[in-house]
N, C-alpha and C. Protein backbone atom coordinates (compact mmCIF):
# COMPACT_ATOMS: atom_id res chain seq x y z
N MET A 1 -24.67 7.26 2.83
CA MET A 1 -24.52 6.99 1.41
C MET A 1 -23.22 6.21 1.19
N ALA A 2 -23.29 5.21 0.34
CA ALA A 2 -22.10 4.45 0.03
C ALA A 2 -21.07 5.34 -0.66
N SER A 3 -19.80 5.01 -0.48
CA SER A 3 -18.76 5.88 -1.04
C SER A 3 -18.06 5.23 -2.23
N PHE A 4 -18.73 4.27 -2.90
CA PHE A 4 -18.15 3.72 -4.12
C PHE A 4 -19.26 3.36 -5.11
N CYS A 5 -18.90 3.39 -6.37
CA CYS A 5 -19.83 3.09 -7.46
C CYS A 5 -19.89 1.57 -7.65
N GLU A 6 -21.09 1.03 -7.77
CA GLU A 6 -21.24 -0.42 -7.94
C GLU A 6 -20.99 -0.86 -9.38
N VAL A 7 -20.82 0.08 -10.31
CA VAL A 7 -20.55 -0.27 -11.70
C VAL A 7 -19.05 -0.24 -11.98
N CYS A 8 -18.41 0.89 -11.70
CA CYS A 8 -16.99 1.05 -12.04
C CYS A 8 -16.08 0.95 -10.81
N THR A 9 -16.65 0.76 -9.64
CA THR A 9 -15.94 0.65 -8.34
C THR A 9 -15.08 1.88 -8.03
N LYS A 10 -15.48 3.04 -8.56
CA LYS A 10 -14.79 4.28 -8.19
C LYS A 10 -15.10 4.58 -6.73
N GLY A 11 -14.07 4.96 -5.97
CA GLY A 11 -14.26 5.19 -4.55
C GLY A 11 -13.55 6.43 -4.06
N VAL A 12 -13.40 6.50 -2.75
CA VAL A 12 -12.77 7.65 -2.10
C VAL A 12 -11.27 7.66 -2.39
N THR A 13 -10.74 8.85 -2.67
CA THR A 13 -9.31 9.03 -2.92
C THR A 13 -8.75 9.93 -1.83
N ALA A 14 -7.57 9.63 -1.35
CA ALA A 14 -6.95 10.42 -0.29
C ALA A 14 -5.81 11.26 -0.85
N GLY A 15 -5.54 12.36 -0.17
CA GLY A 15 -4.46 13.23 -0.59
C GLY A 15 -4.19 14.27 0.48
N ASN A 16 -3.59 15.38 0.08
CA ASN A 16 -3.23 16.43 1.01
C ASN A 16 -3.85 17.76 0.62
N ASN A 17 -4.26 18.53 1.64
CA ASN A 17 -4.48 19.96 1.46
C ASN A 17 -3.11 20.60 1.59
N VAL A 18 -2.75 21.48 0.67
CA VAL A 18 -1.46 22.14 0.72
C VAL A 18 -1.70 23.63 0.85
N SER A 19 -1.25 24.21 1.95
CA SER A 19 -1.46 25.63 2.20
C SER A 19 -0.41 26.46 1.47
N HIS A 20 -0.58 27.77 1.55
CA HIS A 20 0.38 28.69 0.91
C HIS A 20 1.78 28.52 1.49
N SER A 21 1.84 28.21 2.80
CA SER A 21 3.14 28.00 3.44
C SER A 21 3.63 26.56 3.28
N HIS A 22 2.93 25.78 2.46
CA HIS A 22 3.27 24.40 2.11
C HIS A 22 3.11 23.42 3.28
N LEU A 23 2.27 23.77 4.26
CA LEU A 23 1.89 22.80 5.29
C LEU A 23 0.87 21.86 4.67
N LYS A 24 0.94 20.59 5.06
CA LYS A 24 0.07 19.59 4.48
C LYS A 24 -0.81 18.94 5.54
N THR A 25 -2.11 18.83 5.25
CA THR A 25 -3.04 18.10 6.10
C THR A 25 -3.81 17.13 5.21
N LYS A 26 -4.21 16.01 5.78
CA LYS A 26 -4.91 14.98 5.02
C LYS A 26 -6.31 15.43 4.63
N ARG A 27 -6.76 15.00 3.46
CA ARG A 27 -8.12 15.24 3.01
C ARG A 27 -8.55 14.11 2.10
N THR A 28 -9.86 14.05 1.80
CA THR A 28 -10.39 13.01 0.92
C THR A 28 -11.23 13.65 -0.18
N TRP A 29 -11.27 12.98 -1.32
CA TRP A 29 -12.16 13.34 -2.42
C TRP A 29 -13.17 12.21 -2.56
N LYS A 30 -14.45 12.56 -2.54
CA LYS A 30 -15.49 11.55 -2.68
C LYS A 30 -16.17 11.68 -4.04
N PRO A 31 -16.46 10.54 -4.68
CA PRO A 31 -17.15 10.61 -5.97
C PRO A 31 -18.61 11.00 -5.78
N ASN A 32 -19.21 11.53 -6.82
CA ASN A 32 -20.62 11.94 -6.79
C ASN A 32 -21.47 10.69 -7.01
N ILE A 33 -21.92 10.09 -5.91
CA ILE A 33 -22.67 8.84 -5.94
C ILE A 33 -24.16 9.13 -5.80
N GLN A 34 -24.96 8.55 -6.69
CA GLN A 34 -26.40 8.69 -6.65
C GLN A 34 -27.02 7.31 -6.47
N ARG A 35 -28.09 7.24 -5.65
CA ARG A 35 -28.81 5.99 -5.46
C ARG A 35 -29.99 6.01 -6.43
N VAL A 36 -29.93 5.16 -7.46
CA VAL A 36 -30.94 5.19 -8.51
C VAL A 36 -31.57 3.81 -8.68
N ARG A 37 -32.78 3.82 -9.24
CA ARG A 37 -33.43 2.57 -9.61
C ARG A 37 -32.95 2.22 -11.01
N ALA A 38 -32.36 1.03 -11.14
CA ALA A 38 -31.79 0.63 -12.42
C ALA A 38 -32.19 -0.81 -12.73
N VAL A 39 -32.13 -1.14 -14.01
CA VAL A 39 -32.43 -2.49 -14.46
C VAL A 39 -31.14 -3.30 -14.41
N VAL A 40 -31.12 -4.33 -13.56
CA VAL A 40 -29.95 -5.20 -13.40
C VAL A 40 -30.40 -6.63 -13.65
N ASN A 41 -29.91 -7.25 -14.73
CA ASN A 41 -30.27 -8.62 -15.11
C ASN A 41 -31.79 -8.79 -15.24
N GLY A 42 -32.46 -7.78 -15.78
CA GLY A 42 -33.90 -7.86 -15.99
C GLY A 42 -34.74 -7.47 -14.79
N ASP A 43 -34.14 -7.28 -13.64
CA ASP A 43 -34.86 -6.88 -12.44
C ASP A 43 -34.56 -5.42 -12.11
N VAL A 44 -35.52 -4.76 -11.47
CA VAL A 44 -35.32 -3.38 -11.04
C VAL A 44 -34.76 -3.40 -9.62
N LYS A 45 -33.57 -2.79 -9.46
CA LYS A 45 -32.92 -2.73 -8.15
C LYS A 45 -32.45 -1.31 -7.89
N ARG A 46 -32.24 -0.98 -6.63
CA ARG A 46 -31.62 0.29 -6.28
C ARG A 46 -30.12 0.06 -6.18
N VAL A 47 -29.37 0.85 -6.92
CA VAL A 47 -27.92 0.70 -6.92
C VAL A 47 -27.26 2.06 -6.71
N ASN A 48 -26.06 2.04 -6.14
CA ASN A 48 -25.26 3.24 -5.95
C ASN A 48 -24.34 3.39 -7.15
N VAL A 49 -24.53 4.47 -7.91
CA VAL A 49 -23.82 4.65 -9.17
C VAL A 49 -23.25 6.06 -9.21
N CYS A 50 -22.03 6.20 -9.75
CA CYS A 50 -21.46 7.53 -9.90
C CYS A 50 -22.10 8.22 -11.11
N THR A 51 -22.05 9.54 -11.11
CA THR A 51 -22.69 10.30 -12.19
C THR A 51 -22.00 10.09 -13.52
N ARG A 52 -20.74 9.73 -13.52
CA ARG A 52 -20.03 9.46 -14.78
C ARG A 52 -20.63 8.23 -15.46
N CYS A 53 -20.95 7.19 -14.70
CA CYS A 53 -21.56 5.99 -15.27
C CYS A 53 -22.99 6.27 -15.73
N LEU A 54 -23.73 7.10 -14.99
CA LEU A 54 -25.08 7.46 -15.43
C LEU A 54 -25.04 8.24 -16.73
N ARG A 55 -24.12 9.20 -16.83
CA ARG A 55 -24.05 10.07 -18.00
C ARG A 55 -23.57 9.33 -19.24
N SER A 56 -22.67 8.34 -19.05
CA SER A 56 -22.11 7.63 -20.19
C SER A 56 -23.00 6.47 -20.66
N GLY A 57 -24.08 6.19 -19.94
CA GLY A 57 -25.01 5.15 -20.38
C GLY A 57 -24.63 3.75 -19.95
N LYS A 58 -23.76 3.61 -18.97
CA LYS A 58 -23.39 2.28 -18.48
C LYS A 58 -24.50 1.66 -17.63
N VAL A 59 -25.48 2.49 -17.22
CA VAL A 59 -26.57 2.04 -16.38
C VAL A 59 -27.88 2.37 -17.06
N GLN A 60 -28.78 1.39 -17.14
CA GLN A 60 -30.10 1.64 -17.70
C GLN A 60 -31.05 1.93 -16.55
N ARG A 61 -31.51 3.17 -16.46
CA ARG A 61 -32.41 3.56 -15.37
C ARG A 61 -33.79 2.97 -15.59
N ALA A 62 -34.45 2.62 -14.46
CA ALA A 62 -35.81 2.09 -14.51
C ALA A 62 -36.79 3.25 -14.43
N ILE A 63 -37.92 3.10 -15.08
CA ILE A 63 -38.93 4.16 -15.09
C ILE A 63 -39.94 3.94 -13.99
């Protein structure tokens, strides 16, 4: 699955896991990406879209 949204270009973010003793290890946060059929320029295409863009109506889903 792709790790970025094709509408808002939201992607993977990096950071640290911080333990109780304050040791740090690298980790990543991935956006919730869904592969949906959407109308793009009048054509139906499959696009990778984050759930925030789906919920806010930035993408018109195809039936």
